[in-house]
């Protein structure tokens, strides 16, 4: 993976804006687009990585606008199966798997969907790195997105094949219910404690004790 990437974000709402800020701060060249059909394909052609950050019901329209511009490219699906009636997902086939069927030439990766938008720009909550669960069938695409997540500030977690998005999408609903249904607010995040995260925490603690950064 090159040190820096050209990243096209399709969707300029809260999620697209936060990822633009986080990825730009990490050193990448980032451009985002909203509802501008001609510009969507142009930007998708420009980007080495394309991020799909549109409402769930607009995914197919956005992919149609991008057309063949995403052939062979990493396509990061950050959408969630949420509609007016709440969760509209399917445990037999995730939204990300649908995206892969609609965009067969793209290398679809599910990532960043279990995070509130306000925390996407840093990957941290109250000074703690939260987990970025990354699922994909293409190992090269997955590694690239894991590195992007780490660059933002997340603790990146390999969540296995793309079909595991069937569980990541309901996990996002749990996060929302905890934040808004249970009244915890959006300054929360899901974190998987694992050997890598423990090692990173120990290193940061050592840096604090030694007075280094």
N, C-alpha and C. Protein backbone atom coordinates (compact mmCIF):
# COMPACT_ATOMS: atom_id res chain seq x y z
N UNK A 1 0.84 -1.20 0.00
CA UNK A 1 0.00 0.00 0.00
C UNK A 1 0.87 1.25 0.00
N UNK A 2 0.53 2.24 -0.84
CA UNK A 2 1.30 3.49 -0.82
C UNK A 2 1.12 4.19 0.50
N UNK A 3 2.05 5.08 0.82
CA UNK A 3 1.96 5.80 2.09
C UNK A 3 0.67 6.59 2.17
N UNK A 4 0.26 7.19 1.07
CA UNK A 4 -0.96 7.98 1.06
C UNK A 4 -1.82 7.58 -0.12
N UNK A 5 -3.12 7.74 0.01
CA UNK A 5 -4.05 7.32 -1.03
C UNK A 5 -4.95 8.46 -1.45
N UNK A 6 -5.48 8.35 -2.66
CA UNK A 6 -6.56 9.22 -3.11
C UNK A 6 -7.87 8.53 -2.73
N UNK A 7 -8.64 9.18 -1.89
CA UNK A 7 -9.86 8.57 -1.37
C UNK A 7 -11.06 9.40 -1.78
N UNK A 8 -11.99 8.78 -2.48
CA UNK A 8 -13.23 9.42 -2.91
C UNK A 8 -14.35 8.99 -1.99
N UNK A 9 -15.02 9.95 -1.38
CA UNK A 9 -16.12 9.65 -0.48
C UNK A 9 -17.43 10.08 -1.14
N UNK A 10 -18.30 9.12 -1.38
CA UNK A 10 -19.60 9.39 -1.99
C UNK A 10 -20.61 9.53 -0.85
N UNK A 11 -20.95 10.76 -0.56
CA UNK A 11 -21.80 11.08 0.58
C UNK A 11 -21.12 12.15 1.41
N UNK A 12 -21.78 13.30 1.56
CA UNK A 12 -21.15 14.41 2.29
C UNK A 12 -21.95 14.81 3.52
N UNK A 13 -22.64 13.83 4.12
CA UNK A 13 -23.36 14.07 5.37
C UNK A 13 -22.41 13.97 6.55
N UNK A 14 -22.95 13.67 7.73
CA UNK A 14 -22.13 13.60 8.94
C UNK A 14 -21.03 12.56 8.84
N UNK A 15 -21.37 11.38 8.29
CA UNK A 15 -20.38 10.30 8.18
C UNK A 15 -19.30 10.66 7.18
N UNK A 16 -19.71 11.08 5.98
CA UNK A 16 -18.74 11.45 4.97
C UNK A 16 -17.83 12.58 5.41
N UNK A 17 -18.40 13.57 6.11
CA UNK A 17 -17.61 14.71 6.59
C UNK A 17 -16.60 14.27 7.64
N UNK A 18 -17.02 13.42 8.57
CA UNK A 18 -16.11 12.96 9.63
C UNK A 18 -14.97 12.14 9.06
N UNK A 19 -15.28 11.24 8.12
CA UNK A 19 -14.22 10.43 7.52
C UNK A 19 -13.29 11.29 6.67
N UNK A 20 -13.83 12.29 6.02
CA UNK A 20 -12.99 13.22 5.27
C UNK A 20 -11.98 13.88 6.20
N UNK A 21 -12.44 14.33 7.35
CA UNK A 21 -11.56 14.99 8.31
C UNK A 21 -10.49 14.03 8.83
N UNK A 22 -10.92 12.82 9.23
CA UNK A 22 -9.97 11.86 9.80
C UNK A 22 -8.94 11.39 8.80
N UNK A 23 -9.37 11.10 7.57
CA UNK A 23 -8.45 10.60 6.56
C UNK A 23 -7.52 11.70 6.05
N UNK A 24 -8.03 12.93 5.98
CA UNK A 24 -7.18 14.05 5.59
C UNK A 24 -6.10 14.28 6.63
N UNK A 25 -6.50 14.25 7.90
CA UNK A 25 -5.53 14.43 8.98
C UNK A 25 -4.47 13.33 8.95
N UNK A 26 -4.85 12.13 8.49
CA UNK A 26 -3.90 11.02 8.40
C UNK A 26 -2.96 11.15 7.20
N UNK A 27 -3.19 12.16 6.37
CA UNK A 27 -2.26 12.43 5.27
C UNK A 27 -2.74 12.05 3.90
N UNK A 28 -3.98 11.56 3.79
CA UNK A 28 -4.50 11.15 2.49
C UNK A 28 -5.12 12.33 1.74
N UNK A 29 -5.20 12.19 0.45
CA UNK A 29 -5.87 13.18 -0.38
C UNK A 29 -7.32 12.74 -0.51
N UNK A 30 -8.23 13.53 0.00
CA UNK A 30 -9.63 13.13 0.11
C UNK A 30 -10.53 14.15 -0.56
N UNK A 31 -11.50 13.64 -1.31
CA UNK A 31 -12.55 14.49 -1.88
C UNK A 31 -13.88 13.81 -1.62
N UNK A 32 -14.90 14.60 -1.33
CA UNK A 32 -16.24 14.06 -1.08
C UNK A 32 -17.24 14.73 -2.00
N UNK A 33 -18.32 14.01 -2.27
CA UNK A 33 -19.36 14.52 -3.15
C UNK A 33 -20.72 14.12 -2.59
N UNK A 34 -21.71 15.01 -2.77
CA UNK A 34 -23.08 14.70 -2.35
C UNK A 34 -23.92 14.30 -3.53
N UNK A 35 -25.09 14.89 -3.66
CA UNK A 35 -26.03 14.54 -4.73
C UNK A 35 -25.70 15.28 -6.03
N UNK A 36 -24.62 14.88 -6.66
CA UNK A 36 -24.20 15.46 -7.92
C UNK A 36 -23.87 14.32 -8.88
N UNK A 37 -24.88 13.77 -9.58
CA UNK A 37 -24.69 12.55 -10.38
C UNK A 37 -23.47 12.55 -11.29
N UNK A 38 -23.25 13.62 -12.06
CA UNK A 38 -22.10 13.63 -12.95
C UNK A 38 -20.79 13.62 -12.19
N UNK A 39 -20.77 14.32 -11.08
CA UNK A 39 -19.56 14.43 -10.27
C UNK A 39 -19.25 13.12 -9.55
N UNK A 40 -20.29 12.33 -9.23
CA UNK A 40 -20.09 11.07 -8.51
C UNK A 40 -19.18 10.13 -9.30
N UNK A 41 -19.48 9.94 -10.56
CA UNK A 41 -18.65 9.04 -11.37
C UNK A 41 -17.26 9.60 -11.57
N UNK A 42 -17.17 10.89 -11.78
CA UNK A 42 -15.88 11.54 -11.97
C UNK A 42 -14.99 11.33 -10.74
N UNK A 43 -15.57 11.49 -9.56
CA UNK A 43 -14.80 11.33 -8.34
C UNK A 43 -14.42 9.87 -8.09
N UNK A 44 -15.34 8.96 -8.43
CA UNK A 44 -15.05 7.53 -8.28
C UNK A 44 -13.90 7.11 -9.19
N UNK A 45 -13.82 7.71 -10.37
CA UNK A 45 -12.71 7.41 -11.27
C UNK A 45 -11.39 7.92 -10.71
N UNK A 46 -11.44 9.07 -10.05
CA UNK A 46 -10.24 9.68 -9.48
C UNK A 46 -9.71 8.90 -8.29
N UNK A 47 -10.58 8.39 -7.45
CA UNK A 47 -10.16 7.76 -6.21
C UNK A 47 -9.53 6.39 -6.39
N UNK A 48 -8.54 6.10 -5.57
CA UNK A 48 -7.97 4.75 -5.51
C UNK A 48 -8.82 3.88 -4.58
N UNK A 49 -9.39 4.51 -3.57
CA UNK A 49 -10.34 3.89 -2.66
C UNK A 49 -11.61 4.72 -2.71
N UNK A 50 -12.76 4.04 -2.78
CA UNK A 50 -14.05 4.73 -2.83
C UNK A 50 -14.85 4.35 -1.59
N UNK A 51 -15.36 5.33 -0.88
CA UNK A 51 -16.15 5.10 0.33
C UNK A 51 -17.61 5.39 0.03
N UNK A 52 -18.46 4.41 0.30
CA UNK A 52 -19.90 4.55 0.09
C UNK A 52 -20.54 4.97 1.41
N UNK A 53 -20.91 6.25 1.50
CA UNK A 53 -21.43 6.82 2.76
C UNK A 53 -22.75 7.53 2.51
N UNK A 54 -23.67 6.80 1.89
CA UNK A 54 -24.99 7.35 1.57
C UNK A 54 -26.03 6.65 2.42
N UNK A 55 -27.26 7.17 2.50
CA UNK A 55 -28.31 6.46 3.21
C UNK A 55 -28.52 5.06 2.63
N UNK A 56 -28.95 4.13 3.48
CA UNK A 56 -29.07 2.72 3.08
C UNK A 56 -29.93 2.56 1.81
N UNK A 57 -31.02 3.30 1.73
CA UNK A 57 -31.92 3.16 0.58
C UNK A 57 -31.35 3.75 -0.70
N UNK A 58 -30.25 4.50 -0.60
CA UNK A 58 -29.67 5.15 -1.77
C UNK A 58 -28.45 4.42 -2.33
N UNK A 59 -28.11 3.27 -1.74
CA UNK A 59 -26.89 2.57 -2.16
C UNK A 59 -26.89 2.22 -3.64
N UNK A 60 -27.97 1.61 -4.09
CA UNK A 60 -28.01 1.15 -5.47
C UNK A 60 -27.97 2.33 -6.45
N UNK A 61 -28.64 3.41 -6.10
CA UNK A 61 -28.60 4.60 -6.96
C UNK A 61 -27.17 5.14 -7.07
N UNK A 62 -26.47 5.20 -5.93
CA UNK A 62 -25.10 5.70 -5.94
C UNK A 62 -24.19 4.81 -6.78
N UNK A 63 -24.36 3.51 -6.63
CA UNK A 63 -23.54 2.57 -7.41
C UNK A 63 -23.85 2.69 -8.89
N UNK A 64 -25.09 2.91 -9.22
CA UNK A 64 -25.47 3.09 -10.62
C UNK A 64 -24.80 4.34 -11.19
N UNK A 65 -24.74 5.39 -10.39
CA UNK A 65 -24.09 6.62 -10.85
C UNK A 65 -22.58 6.43 -11.04
N UNK A 66 -21.96 5.62 -10.17
CA UNK A 66 -20.52 5.36 -10.30
C UNK A 66 -20.21 4.50 -11.50
N UNK A 67 -21.12 3.60 -11.84
CA UNK A 67 -20.94 2.75 -13.01
C UNK A 67 -19.66 1.94 -12.97
N UNK A 68 -18.94 1.90 -14.09
CA UNK A 68 -17.73 1.07 -14.18
C UNK A 68 -16.50 1.76 -13.58
N UNK A 69 -16.69 2.93 -12.99
CA UNK A 69 -15.55 3.65 -12.41
C UNK A 69 -14.98 2.94 -11.19
N UNK A 70 -15.73 2.01 -10.60
CA UNK A 70 -15.25 1.31 -9.40
C UNK A 70 -14.73 -0.08 -9.71
N UNK A 71 -14.59 -0.42 -10.97
CA UNK A 71 -14.07 -1.74 -11.34
C UNK A 71 -12.67 -1.93 -10.77
N UNK A 72 -12.48 -3.00 -10.01
CA UNK A 72 -11.18 -3.33 -9.45
C UNK A 72 -10.76 -2.51 -8.24
N UNK A 73 -11.59 -1.56 -7.83
CA UNK A 73 -11.20 -0.67 -6.74
C UNK A 73 -11.74 -1.16 -5.39
N UNK A 74 -11.09 -0.70 -4.33
CA UNK A 74 -11.57 -0.96 -2.98
C UNK A 74 -12.79 -0.07 -2.76
N UNK A 75 -13.91 -0.70 -2.43
CA UNK A 75 -15.16 0.03 -2.17
C UNK A 75 -15.55 -0.22 -0.72
N UNK A 76 -15.45 0.81 0.10
CA UNK A 76 -15.71 0.68 1.53
C UNK A 76 -17.17 1.03 1.82
N UNK A 77 -17.91 0.05 2.29
CA UNK A 77 -19.33 0.24 2.61
C UNK A 77 -19.46 0.59 4.08
N UNK A 78 -19.83 1.83 4.38
CA UNK A 78 -19.99 2.26 5.78
C UNK A 78 -21.47 2.41 6.13
N UNK A 79 -22.36 1.98 5.23
CA UNK A 79 -23.79 2.18 5.44
C UNK A 79 -24.34 1.20 6.48
N UNK A 80 -25.50 1.55 7.02
CA UNK A 80 -26.18 0.68 7.97
C UNK A 80 -27.62 0.44 7.55
N UNK A 81 -28.11 -0.74 7.89
CA UNK A 81 -29.45 -1.17 7.50
C UNK A 81 -30.50 -0.51 8.38
N UNK A 82 -30.66 0.78 8.20
CA UNK A 82 -31.59 1.56 9.01
C UNK A 82 -32.57 2.28 8.10
N UNK A 83 -33.85 2.16 8.44
CA UNK A 83 -34.90 2.86 7.71
C UNK A 83 -35.85 3.53 8.68
N UNK A 84 -36.95 4.03 8.18
CA UNK A 84 -37.92 4.73 9.03
C UNK A 84 -38.47 3.81 10.12
N UNK A 85 -38.55 2.51 9.80
CA UNK A 85 -39.10 1.55 10.75
C UNK A 85 -38.03 0.93 11.64
N UNK A 86 -36.81 1.43 11.57
CA UNK A 86 -35.74 0.88 12.39
C UNK A 86 -34.81 -0.01 11.59
N UNK A 87 -34.43 -1.14 12.17
CA UNK A 87 -33.50 -2.06 11.50
C UNK A 87 -34.20 -2.75 10.34
N UNK A 88 -33.61 -2.67 9.17
CA UNK A 88 -34.20 -3.26 7.97
C UNK A 88 -33.25 -4.29 7.35
N UNK A 89 -32.32 -4.78 8.17
CA UNK A 89 -31.33 -5.73 7.67
C UNK A 89 -31.84 -7.16 7.58
N UNK A 90 -30.94 -8.03 7.14
CA UNK A 90 -31.27 -9.43 6.93
C UNK A 90 -30.08 -10.26 7.39
N UNK A 91 -30.28 -11.13 8.35
CA UNK A 91 -29.18 -11.94 8.86
C UNK A 91 -28.75 -13.02 7.87
N UNK A 92 -29.52 -13.22 6.82
CA UNK A 92 -29.15 -14.19 5.79
C UNK A 92 -28.29 -13.56 4.69
N UNK A 93 -28.36 -12.26 4.58
CA UNK A 93 -27.53 -11.54 3.60
C UNK A 93 -27.39 -10.09 4.06
N UNK A 94 -26.18 -9.67 4.30
CA UNK A 94 -25.94 -8.32 4.79
C UNK A 94 -26.10 -7.29 3.67
N UNK A 95 -26.22 -6.05 4.08
CA UNK A 95 -26.25 -4.98 3.10
C UNK A 95 -24.96 -4.92 2.29
N UNK A 96 -23.84 -5.23 2.94
CA UNK A 96 -22.55 -5.21 2.24
C UNK A 96 -22.48 -6.30 1.16
N UNK A 97 -23.08 -7.45 1.45
CA UNK A 97 -23.11 -8.52 0.43
C UNK A 97 -23.98 -8.11 -0.75
N UNK A 98 -25.04 -7.36 -0.47
CA UNK A 98 -25.85 -6.83 -1.57
C UNK A 98 -25.02 -5.88 -2.42
N UNK A 99 -24.25 -5.02 -1.75
CA UNK A 99 -23.39 -4.07 -2.48
C UNK A 99 -22.42 -4.84 -3.38
N UNK A 100 -21.85 -5.93 -2.87
CA UNK A 100 -20.92 -6.71 -3.68
C UNK A 100 -21.61 -7.33 -4.89
N UNK A 101 -22.86 -7.75 -4.73
CA UNK A 101 -23.62 -8.30 -5.86
C UNK A 101 -23.90 -7.23 -6.90
N UNK A 102 -24.19 -6.02 -6.45
CA UNK A 102 -24.50 -4.93 -7.38
C UNK A 102 -23.25 -4.37 -8.03
N UNK A 103 -22.11 -4.49 -7.34
CA UNK A 103 -20.85 -3.94 -7.86
C UNK A 103 -19.84 -5.08 -7.95
N UNK A 104 -20.09 -6.02 -8.83
CA UNK A 104 -19.30 -7.26 -8.89
C UNK A 104 -17.83 -7.02 -9.17
N UNK A 105 -17.51 -5.97 -9.88
CA UNK A 105 -16.11 -5.72 -10.20
C UNK A 105 -15.33 -5.02 -9.11
N UNK A 106 -16.02 -4.56 -8.07
CA UNK A 106 -15.36 -3.85 -6.98
C UNK A 106 -14.93 -4.83 -5.89
N UNK A 107 -14.02 -4.38 -5.02
CA UNK A 107 -13.53 -5.18 -3.90
C UNK A 107 -14.14 -4.60 -2.63
N UNK A 108 -15.31 -5.11 -2.26
CA UNK A 108 -16.11 -4.50 -1.21
C UNK A 108 -15.58 -4.85 0.18
N UNK A 109 -15.52 -3.82 1.01
CA UNK A 109 -15.08 -3.97 2.41
C UNK A 109 -16.13 -3.30 3.30
N UNK A 110 -16.54 -4.00 4.35
CA UNK A 110 -17.44 -3.40 5.34
C UNK A 110 -16.59 -2.83 6.47
N UNK A 111 -16.78 -1.56 6.79
CA UNK A 111 -15.96 -0.94 7.85
C UNK A 111 -16.61 0.35 8.33
N UNK A 112 -16.25 0.76 9.53
CA UNK A 112 -16.62 2.03 10.15
C UNK A 112 -18.11 2.16 10.49
N UNK A 113 -18.91 1.13 10.24
CA UNK A 113 -20.35 1.28 10.43
C UNK A 113 -20.79 1.17 11.88
N UNK A 114 -19.93 0.67 12.76
CA UNK A 114 -20.32 0.50 14.17
C UNK A 114 -19.92 1.70 15.03
N UNK A 115 -19.66 2.82 14.39
CA UNK A 115 -19.13 4.00 15.07
C UNK A 115 -20.06 5.19 14.85
N UNK A 116 -20.35 5.95 15.90
CA UNK A 116 -21.09 7.19 15.71
C UNK A 116 -20.25 8.16 14.89
N UNK A 117 -20.92 8.93 14.04
CA UNK A 117 -20.21 9.83 13.13
C UNK A 117 -19.27 10.77 13.86
N UNK A 118 -19.68 11.26 15.03
CA UNK A 118 -18.84 12.24 15.73
C UNK A 118 -17.51 11.66 16.20
N UNK A 119 -17.41 10.31 16.22
CA UNK A 119 -16.17 9.66 16.65
C UNK A 119 -15.34 9.13 15.49
N UNK A 120 -15.84 9.26 14.26
CA UNK A 120 -15.15 8.69 13.10
C UNK A 120 -13.90 9.46 12.73
N UNK A 121 -13.85 10.73 13.05
CA UNK A 121 -12.72 11.54 12.65
C UNK A 121 -11.45 11.26 13.43
N UNK A 122 -11.60 10.66 14.62
CA UNK A 122 -10.44 10.39 15.48
C UNK A 122 -10.28 8.91 15.81
N UNK A 123 -11.38 8.15 15.73
CA UNK A 123 -11.32 6.73 16.11
C UNK A 123 -11.18 6.54 17.61
N UNK A 124 -11.46 7.59 18.37
CA UNK A 124 -11.27 7.52 19.82
C UNK A 124 -12.45 8.12 20.56
N UNK A 125 -12.67 7.62 21.77
CA UNK A 125 -13.70 8.15 22.66
C UNK A 125 -13.08 8.27 24.06
N UNK A 126 -13.14 9.46 24.63
CA UNK A 126 -12.57 9.70 25.96
C UNK A 126 -11.10 9.24 26.04
N UNK A 127 -10.37 9.47 24.96
CA UNK A 127 -8.96 9.12 24.94
C UNK A 127 -8.64 7.66 24.68
N UNK A 128 -9.67 6.84 24.47
CA UNK A 128 -9.47 5.41 24.22
C UNK A 128 -9.74 5.10 22.74
N UNK A 129 -8.83 4.34 22.14
CA UNK A 129 -9.08 3.90 20.77
C UNK A 129 -10.24 2.92 20.76
N UNK A 130 -11.21 3.13 19.87
CA UNK A 130 -12.30 2.17 19.73
C UNK A 130 -12.05 1.30 18.51
N UNK A 131 -12.77 0.20 18.44
CA UNK A 131 -12.51 -0.79 17.39
C UNK A 131 -13.13 -0.38 16.06
N UNK A 132 -12.38 -0.58 15.00
CA UNK A 132 -12.89 -0.49 13.64
C UNK A 132 -12.92 -1.91 13.10
N UNK A 133 -14.10 -2.50 13.04
CA UNK A 133 -14.24 -3.86 12.55
C UNK A 133 -14.27 -3.83 11.03
N UNK A 134 -13.39 -4.62 10.41
CA UNK A 134 -13.22 -4.58 8.96
C UNK A 134 -13.41 -5.99 8.39
N UNK A 135 -14.43 -6.15 7.54
CA UNK A 135 -14.75 -7.46 6.96
C UNK A 135 -14.70 -7.38 5.44
N UNK A 136 -14.06 -8.38 4.83
CA UNK A 136 -13.96 -8.41 3.37
C UNK A 136 -13.50 -9.79 2.92
N UNK A 137 -13.84 -10.13 1.69
CA UNK A 137 -13.35 -11.38 1.10
C UNK A 137 -11.99 -11.20 0.45
N UNK A 138 -11.72 -10.00 -0.02
CA UNK A 138 -10.44 -9.69 -0.68
C UNK A 138 -9.45 -9.28 0.41
N UNK A 139 -8.43 -10.09 0.64
CA UNK A 139 -7.49 -9.84 1.74
C UNK A 139 -6.68 -8.56 1.53
N UNK A 140 -6.32 -8.27 0.29
CA UNK A 140 -5.57 -7.06 0.02
C UNK A 140 -6.39 -5.82 0.31
N UNK A 141 -7.66 -5.84 -0.10
CA UNK A 141 -8.55 -4.71 0.17
C UNK A 141 -8.75 -4.55 1.67
N UNK A 142 -8.89 -5.66 2.36
CA UNK A 142 -9.09 -5.61 3.81
C UNK A 142 -7.88 -4.99 4.50
N UNK A 143 -6.68 -5.42 4.12
CA UNK A 143 -5.47 -4.87 4.74
C UNK A 143 -5.38 -3.36 4.52
N UNK A 144 -5.76 -2.95 3.35
CA UNK A 144 -5.68 -1.52 3.05
C UNK A 144 -6.60 -0.71 3.95
N UNK A 145 -7.80 -1.21 4.16
CA UNK A 145 -8.76 -0.48 5.00
C UNK A 145 -8.37 -0.57 6.47
N UNK A 146 -7.81 -1.70 6.89
CA UNK A 146 -7.29 -1.80 8.26
C UNK A 146 -6.23 -0.74 8.51
N UNK A 147 -5.37 -0.51 7.53
CA UNK A 147 -4.32 0.51 7.65
C UNK A 147 -4.91 1.91 7.65
N UNK A 148 -5.95 2.14 6.84
CA UNK A 148 -6.60 3.44 6.84
C UNK A 148 -7.21 3.72 8.21
N UNK A 149 -7.86 2.71 8.79
CA UNK A 149 -8.49 2.87 10.10
C UNK A 149 -7.45 3.17 11.18
N UNK A 150 -6.34 2.47 11.12
CA UNK A 150 -5.28 2.70 12.10
C UNK A 150 -4.72 4.12 11.97
N UNK A 151 -4.60 4.57 10.73
CA UNK A 151 -4.08 5.92 10.50
C UNK A 151 -4.98 7.00 11.09
N UNK A 152 -6.29 6.76 11.08
CA UNK A 152 -7.22 7.72 11.66
C UNK A 152 -7.06 7.76 13.18
N UNK A 153 -6.79 6.58 13.77
CA UNK A 153 -6.68 6.51 15.22
C UNK A 153 -7.43 5.36 15.85
N UNK A 154 -8.12 4.56 15.03
CA UNK A 154 -8.86 3.41 15.52
C UNK A 154 -7.93 2.26 15.92
N UNK A 155 -8.47 1.33 16.69
CA UNK A 155 -7.85 0.02 16.88
C UNK A 155 -8.48 -0.88 15.81
N UNK A 156 -7.76 -1.18 14.72
CA UNK A 156 -8.35 -1.95 13.63
C UNK A 156 -8.46 -3.43 13.97
N UNK A 157 -9.59 -4.03 13.64
CA UNK A 157 -9.85 -5.44 13.94
C UNK A 157 -10.27 -6.16 12.67
N UNK A 158 -9.54 -7.21 12.31
CA UNK A 158 -9.91 -8.05 11.17
C UNK A 158 -11.14 -8.86 11.56
N UNK A 159 -12.28 -8.54 10.96
CA UNK A 159 -13.54 -9.19 11.31
C UNK A 159 -13.90 -10.33 10.37
N UNK A 160 -12.93 -10.80 9.57
CA UNK A 160 -13.18 -11.96 8.74
C UNK A 160 -13.78 -11.64 7.39
N UNK A 161 -14.48 -12.61 6.78
CA UNK A 161 -15.02 -12.44 5.43
C UNK A 161 -16.20 -11.47 5.40
N UNK A 162 -16.58 -11.10 4.19
CA UNK A 162 -17.63 -10.10 4.02
C UNK A 162 -18.95 -10.55 4.63
N UNK A 163 -19.22 -11.85 4.65
CA UNK A 163 -20.49 -12.32 5.20
C UNK A 163 -20.63 -11.97 6.69
N UNK A 164 -19.53 -11.67 7.35
CA UNK A 164 -19.61 -11.29 8.76
C UNK A 164 -20.20 -9.90 8.95
N UNK A 165 -20.41 -9.19 7.85
CA UNK A 165 -21.15 -7.93 7.94
C UNK A 165 -22.58 -8.18 8.40
N UNK A 166 -23.05 -9.43 8.29
CA UNK A 166 -24.38 -9.78 8.80
C UNK A 166 -24.47 -9.53 10.31
N UNK A 167 -23.33 -9.57 10.97
CA UNK A 167 -23.30 -9.34 12.42
C UNK A 167 -22.84 -7.92 12.75
N UNK A 168 -22.03 -7.33 11.87
CA UNK A 168 -21.58 -5.95 12.12
C UNK A 168 -22.73 -4.96 11.98
N UNK A 169 -23.63 -5.22 11.07
CA UNK A 169 -24.75 -4.29 10.88
C UNK A 169 -25.71 -4.29 12.09
N UNK A 170 -26.07 -5.46 12.66
CA UNK A 170 -26.84 -5.42 13.91
C UNK A 170 -26.05 -4.83 15.07
N UNK A 171 -24.73 -5.02 15.09
CA UNK A 171 -23.90 -4.43 16.14
C UNK A 171 -24.00 -2.91 16.12
N UNK A 172 -24.12 -2.35 14.92
CA UNK A 172 -24.29 -0.90 14.81
C UNK A 172 -25.62 -0.48 15.43
N UNK A 173 -26.65 -1.30 15.27
CA UNK A 173 -27.94 -0.98 15.87
C UNK A 173 -27.85 -1.02 17.39
N UNK A 174 -27.08 -1.98 17.92
CA UNK A 174 -26.87 -2.03 19.37
C UNK A 174 -26.20 -0.75 19.84
N UNK A 175 -25.20 -0.30 19.11
CA UNK A 175 -24.51 0.94 19.46
C UNK A 175 -25.49 2.12 19.50
N UNK A 176 -26.36 2.18 18.50
CA UNK A 176 -27.35 3.26 18.44
C UNK A 176 -28.34 3.17 19.60
N UNK A 177 -28.77 1.95 19.92
CA UNK A 177 -29.72 1.78 21.01
C UNK A 177 -29.10 2.15 22.36
N UNK A 178 -27.83 1.80 22.53
CA UNK A 178 -27.15 2.19 23.76
C UNK A 178 -27.01 3.70 23.85
N UNK A 179 -26.68 4.31 22.71
CA UNK A 179 -26.48 5.75 22.70
C UNK A 179 -27.75 6.54 22.90
N UNK A 180 -28.79 6.16 22.16
CA UNK A 180 -30.02 6.95 22.19
C UNK A 180 -31.15 6.28 22.97
N UNK A 181 -31.32 4.98 22.80
CA UNK A 181 -32.38 4.28 23.52
C UNK A 181 -32.11 4.19 25.02
N UNK A 182 -30.86 3.89 25.39
CA UNK A 182 -30.49 3.75 26.79
C UNK A 182 -29.96 5.06 27.39
N UNK A 183 -29.89 6.08 26.56
CA UNK A 183 -29.53 7.40 27.06
C UNK A 183 -28.05 7.63 27.34
N UNK A 184 -27.17 6.79 26.79
CA UNK A 184 -25.74 6.97 27.04
C UNK A 184 -25.13 8.07 26.18
N UNK A 185 -25.84 8.46 25.13
CA UNK A 185 -25.33 9.50 24.25
C UNK A 185 -24.34 8.95 23.23
N UNK A 186 -23.97 9.77 22.25
CA UNK A 186 -23.08 9.30 21.17
C UNK A 186 -21.60 9.28 21.52
N UNK A 187 -21.23 9.76 22.71
CA UNK A 187 -19.81 9.72 23.09
C UNK A 187 -19.47 8.36 23.69
N UNK A 188 -19.80 7.31 22.94
CA UNK A 188 -19.51 5.94 23.34
C UNK A 188 -18.94 5.21 22.13
N UNK A 189 -18.33 4.06 22.36
CA UNK A 189 -17.80 3.28 21.25
C UNK A 189 -17.58 1.84 21.64
N UNK A 190 -17.66 0.96 20.66
CA UNK A 190 -17.43 -0.46 20.90
C UNK A 190 -15.93 -0.75 20.81
N UNK A 191 -15.42 -1.53 21.75
CA UNK A 191 -14.00 -1.87 21.76
C UNK A 191 -13.83 -3.35 22.06
N UNK A 192 -13.12 -4.03 21.19
CA UNK A 192 -12.76 -5.42 21.40
C UNK A 192 -11.39 -5.47 22.06
N UNK A 193 -11.32 -6.06 23.25
CA UNK A 193 -10.04 -6.18 23.93
C UNK A 193 -9.35 -7.45 23.42
N UNK A 194 -8.16 -7.27 22.86
CA UNK A 194 -7.42 -8.40 22.30
C UNK A 194 -5.94 -8.16 22.53
N UNK A 195 -5.12 -9.12 22.17
CA UNK A 195 -3.69 -9.03 22.48
C UNK A 195 -3.06 -7.79 21.88
N UNK A 196 -3.44 -7.48 20.63
CA UNK A 196 -2.88 -6.30 19.98
C UNK A 196 -3.26 -5.02 20.69
N UNK A 197 -4.52 -4.92 21.13
CA UNK A 197 -4.95 -3.70 21.81
C UNK A 197 -4.28 -3.58 23.17
N UNK A 198 -4.05 -4.69 23.85
CA UNK A 198 -3.36 -4.66 25.13
C UNK A 198 -1.92 -4.19 24.96
N UNK A 199 -1.26 -4.67 23.91
CA UNK A 199 0.13 -4.27 23.66
C UNK A 199 0.21 -2.77 23.37
N UNK A 200 -0.75 -2.27 22.56
CA UNK A 200 -0.75 -0.85 22.23
C UNK A 200 -0.99 0.00 23.47
N UNK A 201 -1.90 -0.46 24.34
CA UNK A 201 -2.18 0.28 25.57
C UNK A 201 -0.95 0.32 26.47
N UNK A 202 -0.24 -0.81 26.55
CA UNK A 202 0.97 -0.87 27.37
C UNK A 202 2.04 0.08 26.83
N UNK A 203 2.14 0.15 25.51
CA UNK A 203 3.13 1.05 24.89
C UNK A 203 2.80 2.50 25.20
N UNK A 204 1.51 2.87 25.09
CA UNK A 204 1.11 4.24 25.38
C UNK A 204 1.36 4.57 26.85
N UNK A 205 1.08 3.59 27.74
CA UNK A 205 1.32 3.82 29.14
C UNK A 205 2.81 4.05 29.41
N UNK A 206 3.68 3.26 28.74
CA UNK A 206 5.09 3.42 28.89
C UNK A 206 5.57 4.77 28.41
N UNK A 207 4.98 5.25 27.32
CA UNK A 207 5.34 6.57 26.80
C UNK A 207 4.95 7.67 27.78
N UNK A 208 3.77 7.54 28.40
CA UNK A 208 3.35 8.54 29.37
C UNK A 208 4.29 8.57 30.58
N UNK A 209 4.68 7.38 31.04
CA UNK A 209 5.56 7.31 32.20
C UNK A 209 6.95 7.87 31.91
N UNK A 210 7.39 7.69 30.66
CA UNK A 210 8.73 8.15 30.30
C UNK A 210 8.74 9.61 29.86
N UNK A 211 7.52 10.17 29.70
CA UNK A 211 7.42 11.57 29.30
C UNK A 211 7.61 11.77 27.82
N UNK A 212 7.56 10.69 27.02
CA UNK A 212 7.68 10.81 25.56
C UNK A 212 6.32 10.73 24.94
N UNK A 213 6.27 11.06 23.62
CA UNK A 213 5.01 10.98 22.88
C UNK A 213 5.12 9.87 21.84
